[in-house]
Amino acid sequence: MAQVLGTGPTVAFDAMPACFSELIHSAREELVVTTPYFVPDEQLLFALTSAARRGVRTIMLFPKRNDNWIVAASSRSYYQDLIDAGAELFEFRPGLLHAKTMIVDRHIGLFGSANLDRRSFELNFENNILFADCTLAAAIRARQDEYLANCDRVSHQDVESYGVLVRLWQNLLATLSPIL
């Protein structure tokens, strides 16, 4: 079973961000997300942190090197909130991890062109597929494990080591999130 979801500036209802958030809220055991651009709105950040806080193993994979330094710095401004909530963050070493996948409890998922950012939800035309299929979920989850094997874990100490100036820079850029 699958459902195609589209988004863009001409779509009246914001089905994509609502779907992402509801899918995250539905997680009970494990949530694994890969995205190259992570600049969440409040709804999405709340969904992710609440999943981790309620005991869902929340694993997020981001690129270590991003092709957009502004988005990279802005993305890292959210790391502290995610780690404090209990999420496990990883950065992909080999290059720009461009996969946009989400697997929930190893049986339902989402993949497509939308990143976890406002630009994908509000400005760009994007398409994702929401599906409920254990075989497809297992295949995507296996690929996510392959990505994880090439990642460095981001620890609380890593985030603390950014220093005041780096954090100020990241947070300043995060204020631009509505246009990133």
N, C-alpha and C. Protein backbone atom coordinates (compact mmCIF):
# COMPACT_ATOMS: atom_id res chain seq x y z
N MET A 1 0.84 -1.16 0.00
CA MET A 1 0.00 0.00 0.00
C MET A 1 0.89 1.23 0.00
N ALA A 2 0.57 2.22 -0.84
CA ALA A 2 1.39 3.41 -0.95
C ALA A 2 0.52 4.61 -1.29
N GLN A 3 1.02 5.79 -0.93
CA GLN A 3 0.34 7.04 -1.21
C GLN A 3 1.38 8.05 -1.66
N VAL A 4 1.16 8.68 -2.79
CA VAL A 4 2.06 9.72 -3.28
C VAL A 4 1.63 11.05 -2.68
N LEU A 5 2.61 11.81 -2.19
CA LEU A 5 2.34 13.12 -1.60
C LEU A 5 3.14 14.16 -2.36
N GLY A 6 2.47 15.22 -2.74
CA GLY A 6 3.14 16.32 -3.40
C GLY A 6 3.06 17.57 -2.57
N THR A 7 4.00 18.45 -2.80
CA THR A 7 3.99 19.73 -2.10
C THR A 7 4.54 20.79 -3.03
N GLY A 8 4.29 22.01 -2.70
CA GLY A 8 4.79 23.12 -3.49
C GLY A 8 4.03 24.39 -3.19
N PRO A 9 4.46 25.48 -3.77
CA PRO A 9 3.84 26.77 -3.46
C PRO A 9 2.39 26.91 -3.95
N THR A 10 1.96 26.04 -4.85
CA THR A 10 0.58 26.11 -5.35
C THR A 10 -0.36 25.14 -4.63
N VAL A 11 0.17 24.34 -3.71
CA VAL A 11 -0.64 23.38 -2.98
C VAL A 11 -1.21 24.07 -1.74
N ALA A 12 -2.53 24.08 -1.63
CA ALA A 12 -3.19 24.80 -0.54
C ALA A 12 -2.96 24.14 0.83
N PHE A 13 -3.00 22.80 0.88
CA PHE A 13 -2.85 22.09 2.15
C PHE A 13 -1.44 21.56 2.29
N ASP A 14 -0.86 21.74 3.43
CA ASP A 14 0.52 21.31 3.66
C ASP A 14 0.58 19.84 4.08
N ALA A 15 0.22 18.95 3.16
CA ALA A 15 0.16 17.52 3.45
C ALA A 15 1.52 16.94 3.79
N MET A 16 2.57 17.40 3.11
CA MET A 16 3.90 16.82 3.32
C MET A 16 4.40 17.01 4.76
N PRO A 17 4.48 18.25 5.28
CA PRO A 17 4.96 18.37 6.66
C PRO A 17 4.05 17.69 7.67
N ALA A 18 2.75 17.71 7.42
CA ALA A 18 1.83 17.02 8.32
C ALA A 18 2.08 15.52 8.30
N CYS A 19 2.33 14.96 7.12
CA CYS A 19 2.61 13.53 7.00
C CYS A 19 3.90 13.17 7.73
N PHE A 20 4.96 13.96 7.51
CA PHE A 20 6.23 13.72 8.20
C PHE A 20 6.00 13.71 9.71
N SER A 21 5.34 14.73 10.22
CA SER A 21 5.14 14.84 11.67
C SER A 21 4.29 13.70 12.21
N GLU A 22 3.19 13.38 11.53
CA GLU A 22 2.32 12.29 12.00
C GLU A 22 3.04 10.95 11.96
N LEU A 23 3.84 10.74 10.94
CA LEU A 23 4.60 9.50 10.85
C LEU A 23 5.59 9.39 12.01
N ILE A 24 6.26 10.48 12.32
CA ILE A 24 7.20 10.50 13.45
C ILE A 24 6.45 10.25 14.76
N HIS A 25 5.32 10.90 14.93
CA HIS A 25 4.52 10.70 16.16
C HIS A 25 4.02 9.25 16.27
N SER A 26 3.86 8.56 15.15
CA SER A 26 3.36 7.18 15.20
C SER A 26 4.43 6.18 15.61
N ALA A 27 5.69 6.57 15.59
CA ALA A 27 6.78 5.64 15.93
C ALA A 27 6.65 5.17 17.38
N ARG A 28 6.86 3.88 17.57
CA ARG A 28 6.80 3.30 18.91
C ARG A 28 8.12 2.68 19.34
N GLU A 29 8.91 2.19 18.41
CA GLU A 29 10.16 1.52 18.75
C GLU A 29 11.38 2.17 18.12
N GLU A 30 11.33 2.43 16.79
CA GLU A 30 12.50 2.93 16.10
C GLU A 30 12.10 3.86 14.96
N LEU A 31 12.86 4.92 14.83
CA LEU A 31 12.69 5.89 13.75
C LEU A 31 14.07 6.18 13.18
N VAL A 32 14.24 5.94 11.88
CA VAL A 32 15.53 6.19 11.24
C VAL A 32 15.29 7.15 10.07
N VAL A 33 16.03 8.26 10.08
CA VAL A 33 15.84 9.32 9.10
C VAL A 33 17.17 9.65 8.44
N THR A 34 17.17 9.77 7.11
CA THR A 34 18.32 10.31 6.39
C THR A 34 17.84 11.53 5.62
N THR A 35 18.62 12.60 5.68
CA THR A 35 18.30 13.81 4.93
C THR A 35 19.55 14.65 4.75
N PRO A 36 19.74 15.22 3.57
CA PRO A 36 20.92 16.05 3.36
C PRO A 36 20.74 17.47 3.93
N TYR A 37 19.51 17.94 3.97
CA TYR A 37 19.25 19.31 4.43
C TYR A 37 18.23 19.26 5.55
N PHE A 38 18.66 19.66 6.74
CA PHE A 38 17.81 19.59 7.92
C PHE A 38 17.68 20.98 8.53
N VAL A 39 16.58 21.63 8.19
CA VAL A 39 16.26 22.93 8.78
C VAL A 39 14.77 22.85 9.13
N PRO A 40 14.45 22.21 10.25
CA PRO A 40 13.05 21.89 10.57
C PRO A 40 12.27 23.11 11.05
N ASP A 41 10.95 23.04 10.85
CA ASP A 41 10.09 24.02 11.50
C ASP A 41 9.80 23.49 12.92
N GLU A 42 9.05 24.26 13.69
CA GLU A 42 8.80 23.90 15.09
C GLU A 42 8.05 22.57 15.20
N GLN A 43 7.08 22.35 14.31
CA GLN A 43 6.29 21.13 14.33
C GLN A 43 7.16 19.89 14.14
N LEU A 44 8.05 19.95 13.18
CA LEU A 44 8.91 18.81 12.88
C LEU A 44 9.94 18.57 13.99
N LEU A 45 10.55 19.64 14.48
CA LEU A 45 11.52 19.50 15.57
C LEU A 45 10.84 18.93 16.82
N PHE A 46 9.64 19.40 17.13
CA PHE A 46 8.90 18.87 18.27
C PHE A 46 8.60 17.39 18.09
N ALA A 47 8.18 16.99 16.90
CA ALA A 47 7.88 15.58 16.65
C ALA A 47 9.11 14.72 16.88
N LEU A 48 10.26 15.15 16.35
CA LEU A 48 11.50 14.37 16.49
C LEU A 48 11.95 14.30 17.95
N THR A 49 11.95 15.42 18.65
CA THR A 49 12.42 15.41 20.04
C THR A 49 11.44 14.65 20.94
N SER A 50 10.15 14.75 20.65
CA SER A 50 9.21 14.01 21.50
C SER A 50 9.31 12.51 21.26
N ALA A 51 9.59 12.10 20.03
CA ALA A 51 9.79 10.67 19.77
C ALA A 51 10.96 10.15 20.60
N ALA A 52 12.07 10.87 20.57
CA ALA A 52 13.25 10.43 21.34
C ALA A 52 12.95 10.44 22.84
N ARG A 53 12.25 11.46 23.31
CA ARG A 53 11.95 11.56 24.75
C ARG A 53 11.03 10.46 25.24
N ARG A 54 10.17 9.96 24.38
CA ARG A 54 9.25 8.91 24.83
C ARG A 54 9.84 7.51 24.65
N GLY A 55 11.13 7.45 24.32
CA GLY A 55 11.83 6.18 24.29
C GLY A 55 11.95 5.53 22.93
N VAL A 56 11.51 6.20 21.88
CA VAL A 56 11.68 5.67 20.53
C VAL A 56 13.15 5.85 20.16
N ARG A 57 13.79 4.79 19.71
CA ARG A 57 15.17 4.93 19.25
C ARG A 57 15.14 5.78 17.98
N THR A 58 15.63 7.00 18.10
CA THR A 58 15.57 7.98 17.01
C THR A 58 16.97 8.18 16.46
N ILE A 59 17.18 7.71 15.23
CA ILE A 59 18.49 7.76 14.57
C ILE A 59 18.38 8.70 13.38
N MET A 60 19.27 9.67 13.33
CA MET A 60 19.24 10.64 12.24
C MET A 60 20.61 10.69 11.57
N LEU A 61 20.61 10.61 10.25
CA LEU A 61 21.85 10.64 9.46
C LEU A 61 21.88 11.89 8.60
N PHE A 62 22.97 12.63 8.73
CA PHE A 62 23.18 13.85 7.96
C PHE A 62 24.54 13.75 7.26
N PRO A 63 24.77 14.55 6.26
CA PRO A 63 26.11 14.55 5.65
C PRO A 63 27.11 15.26 6.54
N LYS A 64 28.33 14.76 6.58
CA LYS A 64 29.40 15.44 7.31
C LYS A 64 29.81 16.71 6.55
N ARG A 65 29.88 16.58 5.22
CA ARG A 65 30.19 17.73 4.36
C ARG A 65 28.97 18.00 3.50
N ASN A 66 28.46 19.19 3.64
CA ASN A 66 27.28 19.57 2.90
C ASN A 66 27.68 20.50 1.76
N ASP A 67 26.92 20.51 0.69
CA ASP A 67 27.23 21.40 -0.43
C ASP A 67 26.73 22.83 -0.20
N ASN A 68 26.06 23.06 0.92
CA ASN A 68 25.60 24.39 1.28
C ASN A 68 26.03 24.67 2.71
N TRP A 69 27.06 25.50 2.87
CA TRP A 69 27.63 25.74 4.21
C TRP A 69 26.65 26.46 5.13
N ILE A 70 25.75 27.25 4.57
CA ILE A 70 24.76 27.95 5.40
C ILE A 70 23.78 26.94 5.99
N VAL A 71 23.29 26.04 5.14
CA VAL A 71 22.37 25.01 5.62
C VAL A 71 23.08 24.07 6.59
N ALA A 72 24.33 23.73 6.31
CA ALA A 72 25.09 22.85 7.21
C ALA A 72 25.19 23.45 8.61
N ALA A 73 25.54 24.72 8.69
CA ALA A 73 25.67 25.38 10.00
C ALA A 73 24.31 25.49 10.68
N SER A 74 23.29 25.84 9.92
CA SER A 74 21.95 25.93 10.48
C SER A 74 21.49 24.57 11.00
N SER A 75 21.74 23.51 10.23
CA SER A 75 21.37 22.16 10.66
C SER A 75 22.01 21.80 11.99
N ARG A 76 23.27 22.12 12.11
CA ARG A 76 23.99 21.78 13.35
C ARG A 76 23.49 22.58 14.56
N SER A 77 22.80 23.68 14.33
CA SER A 77 22.25 24.43 15.46
C SER A 77 21.15 23.64 16.17
N TYR A 78 20.59 22.63 15.51
CA TYR A 78 19.53 21.80 16.10
C TYR A 78 20.07 20.55 16.78
N TYR A 79 21.34 20.27 16.62
CA TYR A 79 21.92 19.05 17.18
C TYR A 79 21.74 18.97 18.69
N GLN A 80 21.98 20.07 19.40
CA GLN A 80 21.90 20.05 20.87
C GLN A 80 20.50 19.62 21.33
N ASP A 81 19.47 20.19 20.74
CA ASP A 81 18.10 19.83 21.13
C ASP A 81 17.82 18.35 20.88
N LEU A 82 18.27 17.87 19.75
CA LEU A 82 18.04 16.46 19.40
C LEU A 82 18.79 15.52 20.34
N ILE A 83 20.06 15.82 20.59
CA ILE A 83 20.87 14.97 21.47
C ILE A 83 20.33 15.03 22.89
N ASP A 84 19.97 16.22 23.37
CA ASP A 84 19.41 16.34 24.72
C ASP A 84 18.13 15.52 24.87
N ALA A 85 17.36 15.39 23.79
CA ALA A 85 16.12 14.61 23.84
C ALA A 85 16.40 13.11 23.80
N GLY A 86 17.61 12.72 23.39
CA GLY A 86 17.96 11.30 23.33
C GLY A 86 18.12 10.75 21.93
N ALA A 87 18.05 11.61 20.93
CA ALA A 87 18.25 11.14 19.55
C ALA A 87 19.72 10.79 19.32
N GLU A 88 19.96 9.85 18.42
CA GLU A 88 21.31 9.47 18.02
C GLU A 88 21.59 10.12 16.67
N LEU A 89 22.61 10.97 16.61
CA LEU A 89 22.95 11.69 15.39
C LEU A 89 24.23 11.14 14.79
N PHE A 90 24.23 11.03 13.48
CA PHE A 90 25.39 10.52 12.75
C PHE A 90 25.64 11.39 11.54
N GLU A 91 26.92 11.55 11.21
CA GLU A 91 27.31 12.29 10.02
C GLU A 91 28.04 11.36 9.07
N PHE A 92 27.58 11.33 7.84
CA PHE A 92 28.07 10.46 6.78
C PHE A 92 29.40 11.01 6.24
N ARG A 93 30.47 10.21 6.35
CA ARG A 93 31.82 10.65 5.97
C ARG A 93 32.09 10.73 4.46
N PRO A 94 31.66 9.75 3.64
CA PRO A 94 32.14 9.71 2.25
C PRO A 94 31.78 10.90 1.37
N GLY A 95 30.76 11.64 1.69
CA GLY A 95 30.36 12.76 0.84
C GLY A 95 28.97 13.22 1.20
N LEU A 96 28.32 13.88 0.29
CA LEU A 96 26.98 14.37 0.54
C LEU A 96 26.00 13.20 0.48
N LEU A 97 25.48 12.81 1.62
CA LEU A 97 24.44 11.79 1.68
C LEU A 97 23.15 12.47 1.24
N HIS A 98 22.67 12.12 0.07
CA HIS A 98 21.53 12.82 -0.50
C HIS A 98 20.22 12.04 -0.37
N ALA A 99 20.26 10.89 0.29
CA ALA A 99 19.05 10.08 0.47
C ALA A 99 18.07 10.78 1.40
N LYS A 100 16.81 10.70 1.04
CA LYS A 100 15.75 11.27 1.86
C LYS A 100 14.81 10.13 2.22
N THR A 101 15.07 9.50 3.35
CA THR A 101 14.30 8.33 3.75
C THR A 101 13.89 8.43 5.21
N MET A 102 12.79 7.77 5.52
CA MET A 102 12.34 7.66 6.90
C MET A 102 11.68 6.29 7.04
N ILE A 103 12.16 5.50 8.00
CA ILE A 103 11.57 4.19 8.27
C ILE A 103 11.11 4.19 9.73
N VAL A 104 9.86 3.81 9.93
CA VAL A 104 9.26 3.79 11.26
C VAL A 104 8.94 2.35 11.63
N ASP A 105 9.51 1.92 12.74
CA ASP A 105 9.23 0.59 13.31
C ASP A 105 9.39 -0.54 12.31
N ARG A 106 10.26 -0.34 11.33
CA ARG A 106 10.64 -1.34 10.33
C ARG A 106 9.47 -1.86 9.47
N HIS A 107 8.38 -1.09 9.40
CA HIS A 107 7.29 -1.57 8.54
C HIS A 107 6.59 -0.48 7.73
N ILE A 108 6.84 0.76 8.05
CA ILE A 108 6.22 1.85 7.30
C ILE A 108 7.30 2.90 7.02
N GLY A 109 7.17 3.60 5.92
CA GLY A 109 8.21 4.56 5.60
C GLY A 109 7.79 5.60 4.60
N LEU A 110 8.78 6.43 4.29
CA LEU A 110 8.59 7.55 3.41
C LEU A 110 9.90 7.78 2.68
N PHE A 111 9.84 8.00 1.38
CA PHE A 111 11.03 8.37 0.63
C PHE A 111 10.62 9.23 -0.55
N GLY A 112 11.56 10.00 -1.04
CA GLY A 112 11.25 10.86 -2.18
C GLY A 112 12.23 12.00 -2.30
N SER A 113 11.72 13.13 -2.74
CA SER A 113 12.60 14.27 -3.02
C SER A 113 12.62 15.32 -1.92
N ALA A 114 11.68 15.29 -0.98
CA ALA A 114 11.59 16.33 0.04
C ALA A 114 12.63 16.14 1.14
N ASN A 115 13.31 17.22 1.45
CA ASN A 115 14.22 17.26 2.60
C ASN A 115 13.41 17.62 3.83
N LEU A 116 14.03 17.54 4.98
CA LEU A 116 13.36 17.97 6.21
C LEU A 116 13.68 19.45 6.44
N ASP A 117 13.13 20.27 5.55
CA ASP A 117 13.33 21.71 5.67
C ASP A 117 12.12 22.44 5.12
N ARG A 118 12.00 23.68 5.50
CA ARG A 118 10.85 24.48 5.09
C ARG A 118 10.85 24.74 3.59
N ARG A 119 12.02 24.82 3.01
CA ARG A 119 12.11 25.06 1.57
C ARG A 119 11.39 23.95 0.80
N SER A 120 11.64 22.69 1.21
CA SER A 120 10.97 21.55 0.56
C SER A 120 9.47 21.56 0.81
N PHE A 121 9.07 22.01 1.98
CA PHE A 121 7.66 21.97 2.33
C PHE A 121 6.86 23.14 1.78
N GLU A 122 7.49 24.31 1.60
CA GLU A 122 6.75 25.51 1.26
C GLU A 122 7.10 26.13 -0.08
N LEU A 123 8.34 25.97 -0.55
CA LEU A 123 8.78 26.67 -1.76
C LEU A 123 8.98 25.78 -2.97
N ASN A 124 9.55 24.61 -2.76
CA ASN A 124 9.87 23.72 -3.88
C ASN A 124 8.70 22.79 -4.19
N PHE A 125 8.67 22.32 -5.41
CA PHE A 125 7.74 21.26 -5.78
C PHE A 125 8.45 19.94 -5.47
N GLU A 126 7.88 19.14 -4.60
CA GLU A 126 8.49 17.88 -4.17
C GLU A 126 7.46 16.76 -4.23
N ASN A 127 7.95 15.54 -4.32
CA ASN A 127 7.10 14.35 -4.28
C ASN A 127 7.73 13.30 -3.38
N ASN A 128 6.93 12.72 -2.53
CA ASN A 128 7.35 11.62 -1.68
C ASN A 128 6.34 10.50 -1.78
N ILE A 129 6.77 9.32 -1.39
CA ILE A 129 5.87 8.17 -1.35
C ILE A 129 5.83 7.64 0.08
N LEU A 130 4.66 7.61 0.63
CA LEU A 130 4.40 7.02 1.94
C LEU A 130 3.96 5.59 1.67
N PHE A 131 4.55 4.63 2.38
CA PHE A 131 4.20 3.23 2.11
C PHE A 131 4.12 2.43 3.39
N ALA A 132 3.36 1.35 3.32
CA ALA A 132 3.26 0.37 4.40
C ALA A 132 3.56 -0.99 3.78
N ASP A 133 4.81 -1.42 3.90
CA ASP A 133 5.25 -2.68 3.30
C ASP A 133 6.52 -3.12 4.02
N CYS A 134 6.46 -4.23 4.71
CA CYS A 134 7.61 -4.70 5.49
C CYS A 134 8.82 -5.02 4.61
N THR A 135 8.59 -5.56 3.43
CA THR A 135 9.71 -5.93 2.55
C THR A 135 10.44 -4.69 2.06
N LEU A 136 9.70 -3.70 1.59
CA LEU A 136 10.32 -2.45 1.15
C LEU A 136 10.98 -1.73 2.31
N ALA A 137 10.32 -1.71 3.46
CA ALA A 137 10.90 -1.07 4.65
C ALA A 137 12.21 -1.75 5.03
N ALA A 138 12.26 -3.07 4.96
CA ALA A 138 13.49 -3.81 5.30
C ALA A 138 14.61 -3.48 4.33
N ALA A 139 14.30 -3.34 3.05
CA ALA A 139 15.32 -3.01 2.05
C ALA A 139 15.89 -1.61 2.29
N ILE A 140 15.01 -0.65 2.56
CA ILE A 140 15.48 0.72 2.82
C ILE A 140 16.23 0.77 4.15
N ARG A 141 15.74 0.05 5.14
CA ARG A 141 16.41 0.02 6.45
C ARG A 141 17.80 -0.60 6.32
N ALA A 142 17.96 -1.63 5.49
CA ALA A 142 19.28 -2.24 5.25
C ALA A 142 20.21 -1.22 4.61
N ARG A 143 19.71 -0.43 3.68
CA ARG A 143 20.52 0.62 3.06
C ARG A 143 20.91 1.67 4.09
N GLN A 144 20.00 2.01 4.99
CA GLN A 144 20.32 2.95 6.05
C GLN A 144 21.45 2.41 6.94
N ASP A 145 21.44 1.10 7.20
CA ASP A 145 22.53 0.49 7.97
C ASP A 145 23.86 0.59 7.22
N GLU A 146 23.83 0.45 5.90
CA GLU A 146 25.05 0.63 5.11
C GLU A 146 25.57 2.06 5.25
N TYR A 147 24.68 3.03 5.23
CA TYR A 147 25.09 4.42 5.45
C TYR A 147 25.69 4.58 6.84
N LEU A 148 25.02 4.00 7.84
CA LEU A 148 25.50 4.11 9.23
C LEU A 148 26.91 3.57 9.39
N ALA A 149 27.25 2.53 8.65
CA ALA A 149 28.60 1.95 8.73
C ALA A 149 29.67 2.94 8.27
N ASN A 150 29.26 3.97 7.55
CA ASN A 150 30.19 4.98 7.05
C ASN A 150 29.97 6.34 7.71
N CYS A 151 29.48 6.31 8.93
CA CYS A 151 29.17 7.54 9.66
C CYS A 151 30.00 7.67 10.93
N ASP A 152 30.14 8.91 11.36
CA ASP A 152 30.67 9.21 12.69
C ASP A 152 29.51 9.65 13.56
N ARG A 153 29.47 9.11 14.78
CA ARG A 153 28.42 9.53 15.70
C ARG A 153 28.74 10.92 16.24
N VAL A 154 27.72 11.74 16.35
CA VAL A 154 27.87 13.08 16.93
C VAL A 154 27.46 12.97 18.39
N SER A 155 28.39 13.24 19.28
CA SER A 155 28.13 13.10 20.70
C SER A 155 27.81 14.46 21.33
N HIS A 156 27.35 14.40 22.55
CA HIS A 156 27.12 15.62 23.32
C HIS A 156 28.42 16.42 23.44
N GLN A 157 29.53 15.70 23.65
CA GLN A 157 30.83 16.36 23.75
C GLN A 157 31.23 17.05 22.44
N ASP A 158 30.90 16.44 21.32
CA ASP A 158 31.19 17.05 20.02
C ASP A 158 30.47 18.39 19.89
N VAL A 159 29.19 18.40 20.26
CA VAL A 159 28.40 19.62 20.16
C VAL A 159 28.92 20.67 21.13
N GLU A 160 29.27 20.24 22.34
CA GLU A 160 29.82 21.17 23.33
C GLU A 160 31.14 21.77 22.86
N SER A 161 31.90 21.03 22.07
CA SER A 161 33.21 21.52 21.62
C SER A 161 33.12 22.56 20.51
N TYR A 162 31.92 22.83 20.00
CA TYR A 162 31.78 23.82 18.94
C TYR A 162 32.29 25.20 19.38
N GLY A 163 32.15 25.51 20.65
CA GLY A 163 32.57 26.81 21.15
C GLY A 163 31.49 27.86 20.95
N VAL A 164 31.64 28.94 21.68
CA VAL A 164 30.62 29.99 21.69
C VAL A 164 30.47 30.66 20.33
N LEU A 165 31.57 30.98 19.67
CA LEU A 165 31.47 31.67 18.39
C LEU A 165 30.82 30.81 17.32
N VAL A 166 31.16 29.55 17.29
CA VAL A 166 30.55 28.64 16.31
C VAL A 166 29.06 28.50 16.60
N ARG A 167 28.70 28.36 17.86
CA ARG A 167 27.29 28.24 18.21
C ARG A 167 26.51 29.51 17.87
N LEU A 168 27.10 30.65 18.13
CA LEU A 168 26.45 31.90 17.76
C LEU A 168 26.24 31.97 16.25
N TRP A 169 27.26 31.58 15.48
CA TRP A 169 27.16 31.57 14.03
C TRP A 169 26.05 30.61 13.58
N GLN A 170 26.02 29.41 14.13
CA GLN A 170 25.00 28.43 13.76
C GLN A 170 23.60 28.95 14.08
N ASN A 171 23.45 29.52 15.27
CA ASN A 171 22.14 30.02 15.68
C ASN A 171 21.72 31.24 14.88
N LEU A 172 22.67 32.08 14.51
CA LEU A 172 22.37 33.21 13.65
C LEU A 172 21.83 32.73 12.30
N LEU A 173 22.52 31.75 11.73
CA LEU A 173 22.07 31.21 10.45
C LEU A 173 20.74 30.50 10.58
N ALA A 174 20.48 29.88 11.74
CA ALA A 174 19.19 29.20 11.95
C ALA A 174 18.03 30.20 11.96
N THR A 175 18.29 31.45 12.29
CA THR A 175 17.22 32.45 12.23
C THR A 175 16.75 32.67 10.81
N LEU A 176 17.58 32.29 9.85
CA LEU A 176 17.21 32.40 8.43
C LEU A 176 16.42 31.19 7.95
N SER A 177 16.12 30.25 8.85
CA SER A 177 15.51 28.98 8.44
C SER A 177 14.25 29.13 7.58
N PRO A 178 13.43 30.13 7.77
CA PRO A 178 12.25 30.22 6.88
C PRO A 178 12.60 30.40 5.41
N ILE A 179 13.81 30.85 5.10
CA ILE A 179 14.17 31.05 3.71
C ILE A 179 15.23 30.07 3.22
N LEU A 180 15.70 29.18 4.11
CA LEU A 180 16.75 28.23 3.69
C LEU A 180 16.15 27.03 2.98
